[in-house]
Amino acid sequence: MRCKKLPALALLCSCVLALLPGCGPTYPKEDLKESIIKVCKKEYKLDVKVELAGKTVAIYCALQDLWDLTFAMTKKASEELNDVILSVSRVTLSTDASVEYYVVIAHDARLPEIQIIIVKRVEDVKRFMLNDISRGEFSKRMLIDKRINPQAKKEHDIKQVFEKMGLEKKWQDTVMDDFFRAQPAALGDIGYWNDRFYIKDIQLPEFLVEQIAGRVRMEFFENKNLAESVLVKSTKGNYINKDGKRYFEVSVLGEAKSVGSLRPDEISNMILSQTLKVAADVIHGYGFEDVDYIVIVDEANSKALKVTTADAEKFRKNRMSFDEIASQTEN
């Protein structure tokens, strides 16, 4: 990998020095955006744009040859994204700005409609630098998503409606600005389109439930026993705070890899139990207490499992079996 990587010890030291009495931050909060831009340009010759939303900083870069013919990321693009991430980490670890998350948004200059989004929590970066979490755990704690730009899709669909209505082009942008170019309410709508950031101030509960959904996808892809049996097509996560109740809702759409290999109830149990395990691990790993229960939905079999966080912790510690938890839901 071609990187002028700052050694881990240097990164850690810069963070510690910034916190010592009498020592000013390397990157003052007033210059946060400009600092990220300058580091990316000076160290790696990469042009980026930066925007802030509360305690979330977003970085956008257009890369050449981001995707190969199979829509896998090229080696060159992977190195460039790592350089951007390293630059942002350096700045956020050595600033007095109150930054809790950073979002890297990239697309191929030839195909801007398809983007990659990487979200990291600054506290996780610090814990990794301090060897408080392993490299493997750290890699699981980031969100990575490749998808069609939500705003691009929205504007494409709306413009088709404009054409059917016969709306004059001079009014199309005005209507679009007034009604269809709002900042996103969910992480899934984050992006950059037509010289405009679409970002939000990320909150820990939504970050965690998105992480749970992502980890479930990876488990069914990387775990050999799971991957041989079940194909997970999609996962979705939502944090719901309603009527005094706070809960994670994780929906999973999966099916048997081969017809007749597993009964529907067997597939459902694999999906529900594995998702519960992942959710319990994430909640425990972050010491997160602002959630009362977890709802896991097996979309293909229209089956749902509702588990209190107390029972999820018992399950994580092998003090309660999945059958016991499932029987409580049925009752």
Protein backbone atom coordinates (compact mmCIF):
# COMPACT_ATOMS: atom_id res chain seq x y z
CA MET A 1 0.00 0.00 0.00
CA ARG A 2 1.48 3.37 -0.95
CA CYS A 3 0.95 5.43 2.16
CA LYS A 4 2.89 8.05 4.01
CA LYS A 5 1.23 6.56 7.03
CA LEU A 6 1.80 8.22 10.34
CA PRO A 7 2.86 5.43 12.72
CA ALA A 8 0.32 4.41 15.30
CA LEU A 9 2.54 5.68 18.11
CA ALA A 10 2.82 9.11 16.49
CA LEU A 11 -0.92 9.32 16.08
CA LEU A 12 -1.41 8.37 19.71
CA CYS A 13 1.18 10.87 20.91
CA SER A 14 -0.36 13.70 18.92
CA CYS A 15 -3.70 12.94 20.55
CA VAL A 16 -2.22 12.84 24.06
CA LEU A 17 -0.21 16.04 23.58
CA ALA A 18 -3.32 17.85 22.44
CA LEU A 19 -4.96 17.02 25.77
CA LEU A 20 -2.08 18.08 28.03
CA PRO A 21 -2.51 21.29 30.08
CA GLY A 22 -0.87 24.27 28.41
CA CYS A 23 -0.69 22.56 25.03
CA GLY A 24 -2.95 23.90 22.33
CA PRO A 25 -4.54 21.54 19.83
CA THR A 26 -2.64 20.80 16.64
CA TYR A 27 -5.78 21.56 14.64
CA PRO A 28 -7.93 24.26 16.32
CA LYS A 29 -11.69 23.86 15.93
CA GLU A 30 -11.90 27.11 13.98
CA ASP A 31 -9.73 25.56 11.27
CA LEU A 32 -11.11 22.02 11.32
CA LYS A 33 -12.49 21.94 7.78
CA GLU A 34 -9.49 23.71 6.28
CA SER A 35 -7.09 21.43 8.18
CA ILE A 36 -8.59 18.26 6.72
CA ILE A 37 -8.49 19.75 3.23
CA LYS A 38 -4.85 20.81 3.63
CA VAL A 39 -3.65 17.51 5.07
CA CYS A 40 -5.28 15.53 2.25
CA LYS A 41 -3.77 17.86 -0.36
CA LYS A 42 -0.30 18.23 1.15
CA GLU A 43 0.28 14.63 2.21
CA TYR A 44 -1.55 12.72 -0.51
CA LYS A 45 -2.35 15.20 -3.30
CA LEU A 46 -6.06 14.48 -2.91
CA ASP A 47 -8.73 17.15 -3.33
CA VAL A 48 -11.60 16.85 -0.87
CA LYS A 49 -14.54 18.90 0.32
CA VAL A 50 -15.56 19.05 3.97
CA GLU A 51 -18.79 19.92 5.78
CA LEU A 52 -19.96 19.83 9.38
CA ALA A 53 -23.32 18.82 10.83
CA GLY A 54 -23.28 19.15 14.60
CA LYS A 55 -20.64 16.73 15.89
CA THR A 56 -20.33 14.92 12.56
CA VAL A 57 -17.77 15.86 9.92
CA ALA A 58 -18.27 14.71 6.32
CA ILE A 59 -15.53 14.45 3.70
CA TYR A 60 -16.25 14.07 0.01
CA CYS A 61 -13.84 13.05 -2.73
CA ALA A 62 -14.29 12.16 -6.38
CA LEU A 63 -11.87 9.43 -7.43
CA GLN A 64 -10.74 8.22 -10.83
CA ASP A 65 -11.28 4.50 -11.44
CA LEU A 66 -13.03 3.79 -8.13
CA TRP A 67 -14.68 0.65 -9.54
CA ASP A 68 -13.43 -2.10 -11.81
CA LEU A 69 -15.62 -3.89 -14.36
CA THR A 70 -17.16 -6.07 -11.64
CA PHE A 71 -17.93 -3.02 -9.46
CA ALA A 72 -15.29 -4.04 -6.95
CA MET A 73 -13.10 -1.26 -5.57
CA THR A 74 -9.76 -0.95 -7.35
CA LYS A 75 -6.50 -1.19 -5.43
CA LYS A 76 -5.62 2.43 -6.28
CA ALA A 77 -8.97 3.72 -5.01
CA SER A 78 -8.70 1.64 -1.84
CA GLU A 79 -5.32 3.21 -1.10
CA GLU A 80 -6.65 6.70 -1.75
CA LEU A 81 -9.62 6.16 0.55
CA ASN A 82 -7.27 4.88 3.24
CA ASP A 83 -5.24 8.06 2.82
CA VAL A 84 -8.35 10.20 3.30
CA ILE A 85 -9.38 8.20 6.37
CA LEU A 86 -5.89 8.52 7.84
CA SER A 87 -5.94 12.28 7.26
CA VAL A 88 -9.30 12.69 8.95
CA SER A 89 -8.20 10.50 11.87
CA ARG A 90 -5.09 12.62 12.38
CA VAL A 91 -7.09 15.81 12.51
CA THR A 92 -9.99 14.58 14.63
CA LEU A 93 -7.63 13.03 17.18
CA SER A 94 -5.71 16.30 17.57
CA THR A 95 -8.40 18.97 17.58
CA ASP A 96 -10.40 20.72 20.26
CA ALA A 97 -13.48 20.56 18.03
CA SER A 98 -16.27 18.38 19.39
CA VAL A 99 -16.31 15.69 16.69
CA GLU A 100 -17.89 12.31 17.42
CA TYR A 101 -18.25 10.84 13.92
CA TYR A 102 -16.73 11.25 10.52
CA VAL A 103 -18.21 10.22 7.21
CA VAL A 104 -16.18 9.67 4.05
CA ILE A 105 -18.22 9.87 0.84
CA ALA A 106 -16.64 8.89 -2.46
CA HIS A 107 -17.76 8.19 -5.98
CA ASP A 108 -16.18 7.45 -9.32
CA ALA A 109 -15.91 10.64 -11.37
CA ARG A 110 -17.21 8.65 -14.36
CA LEU A 111 -20.23 7.32 -12.48
CA PRO A 112 -21.26 9.72 -9.71
CA GLU A 113 -24.63 8.04 -9.15
CA ILE A 114 -22.98 5.14 -7.30
CA GLN A 115 -21.24 6.07 -4.06
CA ILE A 116 -19.41 4.45 -1.20
CA ILE A 117 -20.00 5.65 2.37
CA ILE A 118 -17.68 4.96 5.29
CA VAL A 119 -18.71 6.03 8.81
CA LYS A 120 -16.46 5.84 11.86
CA ARG A 121 -16.89 6.88 15.46
CA VAL A 122 -13.96 8.90 16.77
CA GLU A 123 -14.12 7.19 20.16
CA ASP A 124 -13.64 3.82 18.45
CA VAL A 125 -10.55 5.17 16.68
CA LYS A 126 -9.14 6.35 20.03
CA ARG A 127 -9.85 3.00 21.68
CA PHE A 128 -8.11 1.17 18.85
CA MET A 129 -5.06 3.43 19.12
CA LEU A 130 -4.93 2.66 22.84
CA ASN A 131 -5.21 -1.10 22.13
CA ASP A 132 -8.49 -1.14 24.03
CA ILE A 133 -10.20 -2.96 21.15
CA SER A 134 -8.68 -5.40 18.67
CA ARG A 135 -8.11 -4.73 14.99
CA GLY A 136 -10.83 -7.22 14.11
CA GLU A 137 -13.34 -5.57 16.44
CA PHE A 138 -12.35 -2.13 15.16
CA SER A 139 -13.02 -3.16 11.56
CA LYS A 140 -16.51 -4.34 12.58
CA ARG A 141 -17.27 -1.00 14.22
CA MET A 142 -17.22 1.01 11.00
CA LEU A 143 -20.14 1.30 8.59
CA ILE A 144 -19.35 0.67 4.93
CA ASP A 145 -22.05 0.86 2.30
CA LYS A 146 -21.98 0.90 -1.49
CA ARG A 147 -25.23 2.10 -3.00
CA ILE A 148 -26.95 4.30 -5.54
CA ASN A 149 -26.86 7.88 -4.31
CA PRO A 150 -30.29 8.40 -2.67
CA GLN A 151 -30.55 12.04 -3.71
CA ALA A 152 -29.55 11.23 -7.28
CA LYS A 153 -32.26 8.58 -7.49
CA LYS A 154 -34.83 10.91 -5.97
CA GLU A 155 -34.05 13.74 -8.39
CA HIS A 156 -34.06 11.40 -11.37
CA ASP A 157 -37.51 10.09 -10.45
CA ILE A 158 -38.90 13.57 -9.75
CA LYS A 159 -37.58 14.97 -13.00
CA GLN A 160 -39.48 12.25 -14.84
CA VAL A 161 -42.62 13.48 -13.09
CA PHE A 162 -41.77 17.07 -14.07
CA GLU A 163 -41.49 16.01 -17.72
CA LYS A 164 -44.88 14.30 -17.60
CA MET A 165 -46.38 17.42 -16.02
CA GLY A 166 -44.77 19.65 -18.61
CA LEU A 167 -43.13 21.82 -15.95
CA GLU A 168 -40.79 24.36 -17.54
CA LYS A 169 -37.10 23.73 -16.86
CA LYS A 170 -36.63 27.19 -15.34
CA TRP A 171 -39.04 26.17 -12.54
CA GLN A 172 -37.74 22.65 -12.01
CA ASP A 173 -34.76 23.63 -9.84
CA THR A 174 -36.90 25.99 -7.78
CA VAL A 175 -39.43 23.26 -7.01
CA MET A 176 -36.62 20.79 -6.35
CA ASP A 177 -34.93 23.17 -3.90
CA ASP A 178 -38.15 23.99 -2.09
CA PHE A 179 -39.47 20.47 -1.64
CA PHE A 180 -36.97 17.75 -2.52
CA ARG A 181 -33.51 18.85 -1.37
CA ALA A 182 -33.71 18.52 2.40
CA GLN A 183 -31.04 17.18 4.72
CA PRO A 184 -31.47 13.46 5.45
CA ALA A 185 -33.33 12.09 8.45
CA ALA A 186 -31.64 8.68 8.29
CA LEU A 187 -28.10 7.39 7.79
CA GLY A 188 -29.19 5.59 4.65
CA ASP A 189 -29.85 8.92 2.93
CA ILE A 190 -26.38 10.39 3.51
CA GLY A 191 -24.48 11.36 0.37
CA TYR A 192 -23.14 14.08 -1.91
CA TRP A 193 -24.83 15.13 -5.12
CA ASN A 194 -24.49 18.07 -7.51
CA ASP A 195 -22.03 20.01 -5.33
CA ARG A 196 -24.14 19.58 -2.20
CA PHE A 197 -23.68 17.53 0.95
CA TYR A 198 -26.62 15.53 2.27
CA ILE A 199 -25.52 14.73 5.81
CA LYS A 200 -26.88 14.65 9.35
CA ASP A 201 -25.59 14.85 12.91
CA ILE A 202 -25.18 11.15 13.67
CA GLN A 203 -26.46 9.85 17.01
CA LEU A 204 -25.08 6.78 18.79
CA PRO A 205 -28.33 4.69 18.79
CA GLU A 206 -28.75 4.92 15.00
CA PHE A 207 -25.05 4.23 14.48
CA LEU A 208 -25.27 1.09 16.62
CA VAL A 209 -28.38 -0.35 14.97
CA GLU A 210 -26.89 0.27 11.52
CA GLN A 211 -23.74 -1.46 12.74
CA ILE A 212 -25.79 -4.44 13.94
CA ALA A 213 -27.45 -4.73 10.52
CA GLY A 214 -24.08 -4.57 8.78
CA ARG A 215 -22.50 -7.14 11.08
CA VAL A 216 -25.36 -9.55 10.46
CA ARG A 217 -24.81 -9.31 6.70
CA MET A 218 -21.11 -10.00 7.15
CA GLU A 219 -21.69 -12.92 9.51
CA PHE A 220 -23.85 -14.70 6.94
CA PHE A 221 -21.24 -13.99 4.28
CA GLU A 222 -18.03 -14.81 6.17
CA ASN A 223 -19.12 -17.58 8.56
CA LYS A 224 -18.77 -20.79 6.56
CA ASN A 225 -21.54 -22.71 8.33
CA LEU A 226 -23.99 -19.85 7.93
CA ALA A 227 -22.94 -18.99 4.37
CA GLU A 228 -23.43 -22.57 3.18
CA SER A 229 -26.98 -22.67 4.49
CA VAL A 230 -28.56 -19.21 4.21
CA LEU A 231 -28.33 -16.38 1.71
CA VAL A 232 -29.06 -13.03 3.35
CA LYS A 233 -30.27 -10.60 0.71
CA SER A 234 -30.71 -7.51 2.87
CA THR A 235 -30.74 -6.19 6.42
CA LYS A 236 -32.21 -2.99 7.84
CA GLY A 237 -31.83 -1.37 11.22
CA ASN A 238 -33.90 1.28 12.97
CA TYR A 239 -33.78 2.87 16.40
CA ILE A 240 -37.27 3.71 17.64
CA ASN A 241 -38.07 5.94 20.60
CA LYS A 242 -41.84 6.02 21.01
CA ASP A 243 -44.28 6.21 23.91
CA GLY A 244 -41.47 6.03 26.43
CA LYS A 245 -40.03 2.84 24.92
CA ARG A 246 -36.68 2.66 23.16
CA TYR A 247 -35.79 -0.27 20.99
CA PHE A 248 -33.67 -1.55 18.14
CA GLU A 249 -35.54 -3.07 15.21
CA VAL A 250 -33.49 -5.24 12.86
CA SER A 251 -35.11 -6.76 9.77
CA VAL A 252 -33.42 -9.55 7.85
CA LEU A 253 -34.43 -10.96 4.47
CA GLY A 254 -32.88 -14.37 3.88
CA GLU A 255 -33.54 -17.68 2.21
CA ALA A 256 -32.11 -21.20 2.01
CA LYS A 257 -29.15 -21.57 -0.35
CA SER A 258 -30.73 -24.62 -1.99
CA VAL A 259 -34.34 -25.73 -2.26
CA GLY A 260 -35.33 -28.30 0.35
CA SER A 261 -32.04 -28.08 2.27
CA LEU A 262 -33.65 -26.50 5.35
CA ARG A 263 -37.16 -26.13 6.66
CA PRO A 264 -38.51 -22.56 6.92
CA ASP A 265 -38.47 -22.74 10.73
CA GLU A 266 -34.82 -23.82 10.69
CA ILE A 267 -33.86 -20.89 8.47
CA SER A 268 -35.85 -18.54 10.64
CA ASN A 269 -34.17 -19.75 13.83
CA MET A 270 -30.72 -19.34 12.28
CA ILE A 271 -31.53 -15.78 11.26
CA LEU A 272 -33.14 -14.79 14.55
CA SER A 273 -30.54 -16.38 16.82
CA GLN A 274 -27.54 -15.04 14.89
CA THR A 275 -29.01 -11.55 14.74
CA LEU A 276 -29.71 -11.64 18.46
CA LYS A 277 -26.11 -12.70 19.13
CA VAL A 278 -24.75 -9.82 17.05
CA ALA A 279 -27.10 -7.30 18.69
CA ALA A 280 -26.19 -8.48 22.19
CA ASP A 281 -22.46 -8.28 21.38
CA VAL A 282 -22.76 -4.70 20.06
CA ILE A 283 -24.86 -3.47 22.98
CA HIS A 284 -22.42 -5.02 25.45
CA GLY A 285 -19.33 -3.81 23.58
CA TYR A 286 -20.47 -0.20 23.72
CA GLY A 287 -21.99 -0.45 27.20
CA PHE A 288 -25.13 1.05 25.66
CA GLU A 289 -28.03 1.41 28.10
CA ASP A 290 -30.54 3.62 26.27
CA VAL A 291 -32.47 0.71 24.78
CA ASP A 292 -35.17 -1.40 26.44
CA TYR A 293 -35.50 -4.27 24.01
CA ILE A 294 -34.64 -5.62 20.56
CA VAL A 295 -37.11 -6.60 17.85
CA ILE A 296 -35.75 -8.93 15.17
CA VAL A 297 -37.87 -9.52 12.08
CA ASP A 298 -37.44 -12.46 9.71
CA GLU A 299 -39.07 -10.91 6.66
CA ALA A 300 -39.25 -14.02 4.49
CA ASN A 301 -41.15 -16.03 7.10
CA SER A 302 -43.08 -13.11 8.64
CA LYS A 303 -41.72 -14.00 12.05
CA ALA A 304 -40.61 -11.57 14.79
CA LEU A 305 -38.68 -11.98 18.01
CA LYS A 306 -38.87 -9.43 20.84
CA VAL A 307 -36.12 -9.68 23.45
CA THR A 308 -35.39 -7.46 26.45
CA THR A 309 -31.81 -6.24 26.75
CA ALA A 310 -31.55 -8.14 30.04
CA ASP A 311 -32.42 -11.42 28.32
CA ALA A 312 -30.13 -10.57 25.40
CA GLU A 313 -27.26 -10.23 27.86
CA LYS A 314 -28.15 -13.60 29.42
CA PHE A 315 -28.14 -15.10 25.93
CA ARG A 316 -24.73 -13.54 25.24
CA LYS A 317 -23.36 -15.10 28.43
CA ASN A 318 -24.90 -18.50 27.58
CA ARG A 319 -27.15 -18.25 30.64
CA MET A 320 -30.29 -18.44 28.53
CA SER A 321 -30.85 -20.53 25.40
CA PHE A 322 -32.41 -19.33 22.19
CA ASP A 323 -35.26 -21.81 22.65
CA GLU A 324 -36.06 -20.27 26.04
CA ILE A 325 -36.09 -16.78 24.54
CA ALA A 326 -38.22 -17.89 21.59
CA SER A 327 -40.73 -19.59 23.87
CA GLN A 328 -41.16 -16.35 25.84
CA THR A 329 -42.01 -14.50 22.63
CA GLU A 330 -44.53 -17.17 21.65
CA ASN A 331 -46.18 -16.93 25.05
